[in-house]
N, C-alpha and C. Protein backbone atom coordinates (compact mmCIF):
# COMPACT_ATOMS: atom_id res chain seq x y z
N SER A 1 -135.69 78.98 50.90
CA SER A 1 -134.59 79.35 51.78
C SER A 1 -134.80 80.77 52.29
N CYS A 2 -134.00 81.13 53.23
CA CYS A 2 -134.12 82.44 53.87
C CYS A 2 -133.81 83.56 52.88
N SER A 3 -132.79 83.36 52.04
CA SER A 3 -132.42 84.44 51.11
C SER A 3 -133.49 84.63 50.04
N SER A 4 -134.13 83.54 49.57
CA SER A 4 -135.19 83.72 48.58
C SER A 4 -136.41 84.38 49.20
N LEU A 5 -136.68 84.09 50.48
CA LEU A 5 -137.78 84.74 51.18
C LEU A 5 -137.47 86.23 51.32
N HIS A 6 -136.23 86.55 51.67
CA HIS A 6 -135.82 87.95 51.78
C HIS A 6 -135.94 88.63 50.43
N SER A 7 -135.54 87.94 49.36
CA SER A 7 -135.60 88.50 48.02
C SER A 7 -137.04 88.77 47.61
N SER A 8 -137.95 87.82 47.87
CA SER A 8 -139.34 88.03 47.48
C SER A 8 -139.97 89.14 48.32
N ASN A 9 -139.62 89.24 49.61
CA ASN A 9 -140.12 90.35 50.44
C ASN A 9 -139.63 91.69 49.89
N HIS A 10 -138.39 91.72 49.48
CA HIS A 10 -137.81 92.93 48.92
C HIS A 10 -138.54 93.31 47.63
N GLN A 11 -138.85 92.32 46.79
CA GLN A 11 -139.55 92.59 45.55
C GLN A 11 -140.95 93.14 45.82
N ILE A 12 -141.63 92.57 46.79
CA ILE A 12 -142.97 93.05 47.14
C ILE A 12 -142.88 94.50 47.65
N TYR A 13 -141.89 94.75 48.50
CA TYR A 13 -141.69 96.11 49.02
C TYR A 13 -141.45 97.09 47.87
N MET A 14 -140.60 96.70 46.94
CA MET A 14 -140.29 97.60 45.81
C MET A 14 -141.51 97.79 44.91
N LEU A 15 -142.30 96.74 44.72
CA LEU A 15 -143.52 96.86 43.92
C LEU A 15 -144.49 97.85 44.56
N CYS A 16 -144.67 97.73 45.87
CA CYS A 16 -145.57 98.65 46.59
C CYS A 16 -145.07 100.08 46.50
N TRP A 17 -143.79 100.27 46.70
CA TRP A 17 -143.20 101.61 46.63
C TRP A 17 -143.36 102.18 45.22
N ALA A 18 -143.07 101.36 44.22
CA ALA A 18 -143.14 101.82 42.83
C ALA A 18 -144.58 102.19 42.47
N PHE A 19 -145.56 101.44 42.96
CA PHE A 19 -146.95 101.76 42.62
C PHE A 19 -147.36 103.08 43.25
N ALA A 20 -146.95 103.30 44.51
CA ALA A 20 -147.28 104.56 45.17
C ALA A 20 -146.64 105.74 44.43
N VAL A 21 -145.42 105.58 43.98
CA VAL A 21 -144.74 106.63 43.21
C VAL A 21 -145.48 106.87 41.90
N GLN A 22 -145.93 105.78 41.27
CA GLN A 22 -146.68 105.89 40.01
C GLN A 22 -147.98 106.67 40.21
N VAL A 23 -148.67 106.45 41.32
CA VAL A 23 -149.91 107.18 41.61
C VAL A 23 -149.62 108.67 41.73
N ILE A 24 -148.58 109.02 42.48
CA ILE A 24 -148.22 110.45 42.64
C ILE A 24 -147.83 111.05 41.30
N ARG A 25 -147.06 110.32 40.53
CA ARG A 25 -146.64 110.82 39.21
C ARG A 25 -147.86 111.06 38.33
N SER A 26 -148.79 110.13 38.35
CA SER A 26 -150.01 110.28 37.55
C SER A 26 -150.81 111.50 38.00
N ARG A 27 -150.89 111.70 39.30
CA ARG A 27 -151.64 112.86 39.81
C ARG A 27 -150.95 114.17 39.43
N LEU A 28 -149.63 114.18 39.43
CA LEU A 28 -148.91 115.39 39.03
C LEU A 28 -149.13 115.69 37.55
N GLN A 29 -149.21 114.64 36.73
CA GLN A 29 -149.42 114.85 35.30
C GLN A 29 -150.83 115.38 35.03
N GLN A 30 -151.76 115.05 35.91
CA GLN A 30 -153.14 115.49 35.73
C GLN A 30 -153.49 116.56 36.76
N ARG A 31 -152.56 117.43 37.08
CA ARG A 31 -152.78 118.35 38.19
C ARG A 31 -153.62 119.56 37.85
N PHE A 32 -153.99 119.71 36.62
CA PHE A 32 -154.86 120.83 36.28
C PHE A 32 -156.30 120.34 36.24
N GLU A 33 -157.11 120.84 37.16
CA GLU A 33 -158.54 120.56 37.13
C GLU A 33 -159.21 121.84 36.69
N GLY A 34 -159.73 121.84 35.50
CA GLY A 34 -160.27 123.10 34.96
C GLY A 34 -159.12 124.04 34.69
N ARG A 35 -159.08 125.16 35.42
CA ARG A 35 -158.00 126.12 35.21
C ARG A 35 -157.13 126.32 36.45
N SER A 36 -157.49 125.66 37.55
CA SER A 36 -156.70 125.87 38.77
C SER A 36 -155.69 124.73 38.96
N LEU A 37 -154.55 125.05 39.51
CA LEU A 37 -153.48 124.09 39.77
C LEU A 37 -153.80 123.37 41.07
N VAL A 38 -153.89 122.03 41.02
CA VAL A 38 -154.22 121.26 42.21
C VAL A 38 -152.97 121.04 43.07
N TYR A 39 -151.87 120.63 42.46
CA TYR A 39 -150.63 120.38 43.21
C TYR A 39 -149.52 121.26 42.66
N SER A 40 -148.80 121.91 43.55
CA SER A 40 -147.70 122.76 43.10
C SER A 40 -146.36 122.05 43.15
N SER A 41 -146.29 120.90 43.86
CA SER A 41 -145.04 120.15 43.94
C SER A 41 -145.33 118.68 44.25
N THR A 42 -144.31 117.89 44.15
CA THR A 42 -144.44 116.46 44.47
C THR A 42 -144.82 116.29 45.93
N TRP A 43 -144.13 117.04 46.81
CA TRP A 43 -144.41 116.89 48.24
C TRP A 43 -145.83 117.32 48.60
N GLN A 44 -146.33 118.33 47.91
CA GLN A 44 -147.71 118.73 48.15
C GLN A 44 -148.67 117.63 47.70
N ALA A 45 -148.37 116.98 46.59
CA ALA A 45 -149.21 115.87 46.10
C ALA A 45 -149.22 114.74 47.12
N VAL A 46 -148.04 114.42 47.69
CA VAL A 46 -147.94 113.35 48.70
C VAL A 46 -148.74 113.75 49.94
N ALA A 47 -148.52 114.97 50.42
CA ALA A 47 -149.19 115.42 51.64
C ALA A 47 -150.71 115.48 51.46
N THR A 48 -151.15 116.00 50.34
CA THR A 48 -152.59 116.11 50.09
C THR A 48 -153.23 114.73 49.97
N THR A 49 -152.57 113.83 49.28
CA THR A 49 -153.09 112.46 49.14
C THR A 49 -153.19 111.81 50.51
N TRP A 50 -152.17 111.98 51.33
CA TRP A 50 -152.17 111.39 52.68
C TRP A 50 -153.31 111.98 53.53
N GLN A 51 -153.46 113.29 53.49
CA GLN A 51 -154.49 113.95 54.30
C GLN A 51 -155.90 113.57 53.85
N ARG A 52 -156.15 113.55 52.57
CA ARG A 52 -157.50 113.30 52.05
C ARG A 52 -157.88 111.81 52.03
N GLU A 53 -156.90 110.96 51.71
CA GLU A 53 -157.24 109.55 51.45
C GLU A 53 -156.50 108.55 52.32
N GLY A 54 -155.49 109.00 53.05
CA GLY A 54 -154.71 108.08 53.87
C GLY A 54 -153.83 107.18 53.01
N LEU A 55 -153.36 106.10 53.58
CA LEU A 55 -152.46 105.18 52.90
C LEU A 55 -153.09 104.60 51.64
N GLY A 56 -154.38 104.31 51.69
CA GLY A 56 -155.08 103.73 50.54
C GLY A 56 -155.04 104.60 49.30
N GLY A 57 -154.90 105.92 49.49
CA GLY A 57 -154.84 106.83 48.35
C GLY A 57 -153.65 106.58 47.45
N PHE A 58 -152.58 106.04 48.02
CA PHE A 58 -151.37 105.77 47.23
C PHE A 58 -151.50 104.48 46.41
N TYR A 59 -152.56 103.72 46.68
CA TYR A 59 -152.71 102.43 46.01
C TYR A 59 -154.03 102.33 45.25
N LYS A 60 -154.61 103.48 44.89
CA LYS A 60 -155.83 103.46 44.08
C LYS A 60 -155.49 102.86 42.72
N GLY A 61 -156.31 101.92 42.30
CA GLY A 61 -156.10 101.29 40.99
C GLY A 61 -155.16 100.10 41.02
N LEU A 62 -154.73 99.70 42.22
CA LEU A 62 -153.79 98.56 42.31
C LEU A 62 -154.44 97.27 41.82
N VAL A 63 -155.66 96.99 42.24
CA VAL A 63 -156.32 95.74 41.85
C VAL A 63 -156.54 95.67 40.34
N PRO A 64 -157.10 96.69 39.70
CA PRO A 64 -157.23 96.60 38.24
C PRO A 64 -155.89 96.46 37.52
N SER A 65 -154.88 97.13 38.06
CA SER A 65 -153.55 97.03 37.47
C SER A 65 -153.02 95.60 37.56
N LEU A 66 -153.19 94.98 38.72
CA LEU A 66 -152.75 93.60 38.88
C LEU A 66 -153.56 92.66 38.00
N MET A 67 -154.85 92.92 37.85
CA MET A 67 -155.69 92.08 37.00
C MET A 67 -155.23 92.15 35.54
N ARG A 68 -154.69 93.28 35.15
CA ARG A 68 -154.19 93.42 33.79
C ARG A 68 -152.82 92.76 33.63
N VAL A 69 -151.97 92.90 34.63
CA VAL A 69 -150.58 92.45 34.52
C VAL A 69 -150.42 90.96 34.83
N MET A 70 -151.20 90.43 35.76
CA MET A 70 -150.99 89.05 36.20
C MET A 70 -151.15 88.01 35.08
N PRO A 71 -152.18 88.07 34.24
CA PRO A 71 -152.26 87.07 33.16
C PRO A 71 -151.06 87.13 32.22
N GLN A 72 -150.63 88.34 31.90
CA GLN A 72 -149.47 88.51 31.03
C GLN A 72 -148.23 87.91 31.68
N SER A 73 -148.04 88.15 32.96
CA SER A 73 -146.88 87.60 33.68
C SER A 73 -146.95 86.08 33.75
N ALA A 74 -148.15 85.55 33.97
CA ALA A 74 -148.31 84.09 34.05
C ALA A 74 -147.97 83.45 32.70
N ILE A 75 -148.43 84.05 31.61
CA ILE A 75 -148.12 83.52 30.29
C ILE A 75 -146.62 83.58 30.02
N THR A 76 -146.01 84.70 30.34
CA THR A 76 -144.57 84.86 30.12
C THR A 76 -143.80 83.82 30.92
N LEU A 77 -144.15 83.63 32.19
CA LEU A 77 -143.45 82.66 33.03
C LEU A 77 -143.64 81.24 32.51
N THR A 78 -144.86 80.91 32.08
CA THR A 78 -145.13 79.57 31.56
C THR A 78 -144.32 79.29 30.30
N VAL A 79 -144.30 80.25 29.39
CA VAL A 79 -143.52 80.08 28.15
C VAL A 79 -142.03 79.97 28.48
N TYR A 80 -141.55 80.79 29.38
CA TYR A 80 -140.13 80.76 29.76
C TYR A 80 -139.75 79.39 30.34
N GLU A 81 -140.57 78.89 31.28
CA GLU A 81 -140.27 77.60 31.89
C GLU A 81 -140.32 76.48 30.86
N GLY A 82 -141.28 76.55 29.92
CA GLY A 82 -141.35 75.54 28.87
C GLY A 82 -140.11 75.55 27.98
N LEU A 83 -139.66 76.75 27.62
CA LEU A 83 -138.45 76.86 26.79
C LEU A 83 -137.22 76.35 27.52
N VAL A 84 -137.13 76.65 28.81
CA VAL A 84 -135.99 76.17 29.59
C VAL A 84 -135.97 74.64 29.60
N LYS A 85 -137.14 74.00 29.79
CA LYS A 85 -137.21 72.54 29.79
C LYS A 85 -136.80 71.97 28.44
N VAL A 86 -137.28 72.58 27.36
CA VAL A 86 -136.93 72.10 26.02
C VAL A 86 -135.43 72.22 25.79
N LEU A 87 -134.88 73.37 26.13
CA LEU A 87 -133.44 73.59 25.92
C LEU A 87 -132.60 72.68 26.80
N GLU A 88 -133.03 72.46 28.04
CA GLU A 88 -132.30 71.54 28.91
C GLU A 88 -132.36 70.13 28.37
N GLY A 89 -133.50 69.74 27.81
CA GLY A 89 -133.64 68.41 27.22
C GLY A 89 -132.71 68.24 26.04
N GLN A 90 -132.60 69.26 25.19
CA GLN A 90 -131.68 69.20 24.06
C GLN A 90 -130.24 69.14 24.54
N ASN A 91 -129.94 69.91 25.56
CA ASN A 91 -128.58 69.92 26.11
C ASN A 91 -128.24 68.56 26.71
N ASP A 92 -129.22 67.94 27.42
CA ASP A 92 -128.99 66.63 28.00
C ASP A 92 -128.75 65.58 26.91
N LYS A 93 -129.52 65.67 25.80
CA LYS A 93 -129.34 64.73 24.69
C LYS A 93 -127.95 64.89 24.08
N GLN A 94 -127.53 66.14 23.86
CA GLN A 94 -126.21 66.38 23.29
C GLN A 94 -125.12 65.88 24.23
N HIS A 95 -125.29 66.13 25.52
CA HIS A 95 -124.31 65.68 26.50
C HIS A 95 -124.25 64.16 26.52
N GLY A 96 -125.42 63.53 26.43
CA GLY A 96 -125.48 62.06 26.40
C GLY A 96 -124.78 61.50 25.17
N LYS A 97 -124.98 62.14 24.01
CA LYS A 97 -124.31 61.70 22.78
C LYS A 97 -122.79 61.86 22.91
N GLN A 98 -122.37 62.98 23.48
CA GLN A 98 -120.94 63.21 23.66
C GLN A 98 -120.34 62.16 24.58
N GLN A 99 -121.03 61.85 25.66
CA GLN A 99 -120.53 60.82 26.57
C GLN A 99 -120.46 59.47 25.88
N GLN A 100 -121.47 59.15 25.07
CA GLN A 100 -121.49 57.88 24.36
C GLN A 100 -120.33 57.82 23.38
N GLN A 101 -120.08 58.92 22.67
CA GLN A 101 -118.97 58.96 21.72
C GLN A 101 -117.64 58.79 22.45
N GLN A 102 -117.49 59.45 23.60
CA GLN A 102 -116.27 59.33 24.37
C GLN A 102 -116.07 57.90 24.85
N GLN A 103 -117.17 57.27 25.29
CA GLN A 103 -117.08 55.89 25.74
C GLN A 103 -116.69 54.97 24.58
N GLN A 104 -117.28 55.22 23.41
CA GLN A 104 -116.95 54.40 22.25
C GLN A 104 -115.48 54.58 21.86
N GLN A 105 -115.02 55.84 21.89
CA GLN A 105 -113.62 56.11 21.57
C GLN A 105 -112.70 55.47 22.59
N SER A 106 -113.09 55.58 23.86
CA SER A 106 -112.30 54.98 24.93
C SER A 106 -112.28 53.47 24.79
N SER A 107 -113.44 52.90 24.47
CA SER A 107 -113.54 51.46 24.28
C SER A 107 -112.69 51.02 23.10
N ALA A 108 -112.79 51.77 22.00
CA ALA A 108 -111.99 51.44 20.81
C ALA A 108 -110.51 51.59 21.12
N SER A 109 -110.17 52.61 21.86
CA SER A 109 -108.78 52.82 22.24
C SER A 109 -108.30 51.68 23.13
N GLY A 110 -109.15 51.27 24.04
CA GLY A 110 -108.81 50.15 24.93
C GLY A 110 -108.64 48.86 24.14
N GLN A 111 -109.52 48.64 23.15
CA GLN A 111 -109.41 47.44 22.32
C GLN A 111 -108.13 47.48 21.50
N THR A 112 -107.77 48.65 20.99
CA THR A 112 -106.53 48.80 20.23
C THR A 112 -105.33 48.49 21.12
N LYS A 113 -105.33 48.98 22.33
CA LYS A 113 -104.23 48.70 23.26
C LYS A 113 -104.15 47.22 23.59
N GLN A 114 -105.33 46.60 23.78
CA GLN A 114 -105.35 45.15 24.06
C GLN A 114 -104.82 44.37 22.87
N HIS A 115 -105.22 44.81 21.68
CA HIS A 115 -104.77 44.14 20.47
C HIS A 115 -103.25 44.25 20.33
N LYS A 116 -102.72 45.46 20.57
CA LYS A 116 -101.26 45.66 20.48
C LYS A 116 -100.55 44.81 21.52
N ALA A 117 -101.10 44.78 22.72
CA ALA A 117 -100.47 43.97 23.78
C ALA A 117 -100.49 42.49 23.40
N ALA A 118 -101.60 42.03 22.82
CA ALA A 118 -101.69 40.63 22.39
C ALA A 118 -100.69 40.35 21.28
N GLN A 119 -100.53 41.26 20.35
CA GLN A 119 -99.56 41.09 19.27
C GLN A 119 -98.14 41.03 19.82
N GLN A 120 -97.83 41.92 20.76
CA GLN A 120 -96.50 41.92 21.36
C GLN A 120 -96.23 40.62 22.10
N LEU A 121 -97.23 40.15 22.81
CA LEU A 121 -97.09 38.90 23.55
C LEU A 121 -96.89 37.74 22.58
N GLN A 122 -97.66 37.73 21.50
CA GLN A 122 -97.51 36.67 20.49
C GLN A 122 -96.13 36.72 19.85
N HIS A 123 -95.66 37.93 19.53
CA HIS A 123 -94.34 38.10 18.93
C HIS A 123 -93.25 37.62 19.89
N HIS A 124 -93.41 38.00 21.16
CA HIS A 124 -92.44 37.57 22.18
C HIS A 124 -92.44 36.04 22.31
N HIS A 125 -93.61 35.45 22.30
CA HIS A 125 -93.74 34.00 22.41
C HIS A 125 -93.09 33.31 21.20
N GLN A 126 -93.28 33.88 19.98
CA GLN A 126 -92.67 33.32 18.78
C GLN A 126 -91.14 33.39 18.86
N GLN A 127 -90.63 34.51 19.38
CA GLN A 127 -89.17 34.65 19.52
C GLN A 127 -88.62 33.61 20.49
N GLN A 128 -89.36 33.36 21.58
CA GLN A 128 -88.91 32.34 22.53
C GLN A 128 -88.89 30.96 21.89
N LEU A 129 -89.92 30.65 21.11
CA LEU A 129 -89.97 29.35 20.43
C LEU A 129 -88.81 29.20 19.45
N GLN A 130 -88.51 30.26 18.69
CA GLN A 130 -87.41 30.23 17.74
C GLN A 130 -86.08 30.04 18.48
N HIS A 131 -85.93 30.72 19.59
CA HIS A 131 -84.70 30.61 20.38
C HIS A 131 -84.53 29.18 20.92
N GLN A 132 -85.62 28.57 21.39
CA GLN A 132 -85.57 27.20 21.90
C GLN A 132 -85.24 26.23 20.78
N GLN A 133 -85.81 26.46 19.59
CA GLN A 133 -85.53 25.57 18.47
C GLN A 133 -84.08 25.68 18.06
N GLN A 134 -83.50 26.84 18.10
CA GLN A 134 -82.09 27.03 17.73
C GLN A 134 -81.19 26.36 18.74
N GLN A 135 -81.58 26.37 19.99
CA GLN A 135 -80.75 25.73 21.03
C GLN A 135 -80.80 24.21 20.89
N GLN A 136 -81.91 23.68 20.47
CA GLN A 136 -82.05 22.24 20.33
C GLN A 136 -81.27 21.75 19.11
N GLN A 137 -81.01 22.54 18.17
CA GLN A 137 -80.27 22.12 16.99
C GLN A 137 -78.83 22.19 17.26
């Protein structure tokens, strides 16, 4: 759907932004080369990276990072989906048992009502027979 496409585009955008921020953060943490300070501020790190390396400079190491993260994510997703299926199956079984019990109770209740109605009808019929016999005498 359109909203899931928008959501996945947003996630990709945020991933790209977060990786670029991570690169700058890493460069700031390693800003001492020998004894001289390479970057004096975040903005200088951004500007220097842009001037020296262009857009690609913000994404150095992206492929190795994805190669490390993707198998882990695939395993996590596979395990999650498997657990969801197992839990849904258990829930469906429990729901099916509950429905069966309700049907049995309903059926038993219906049989009890039928039995009571039959008893009442038989009692009424017996009273009519007794009344007819009394009139004939």
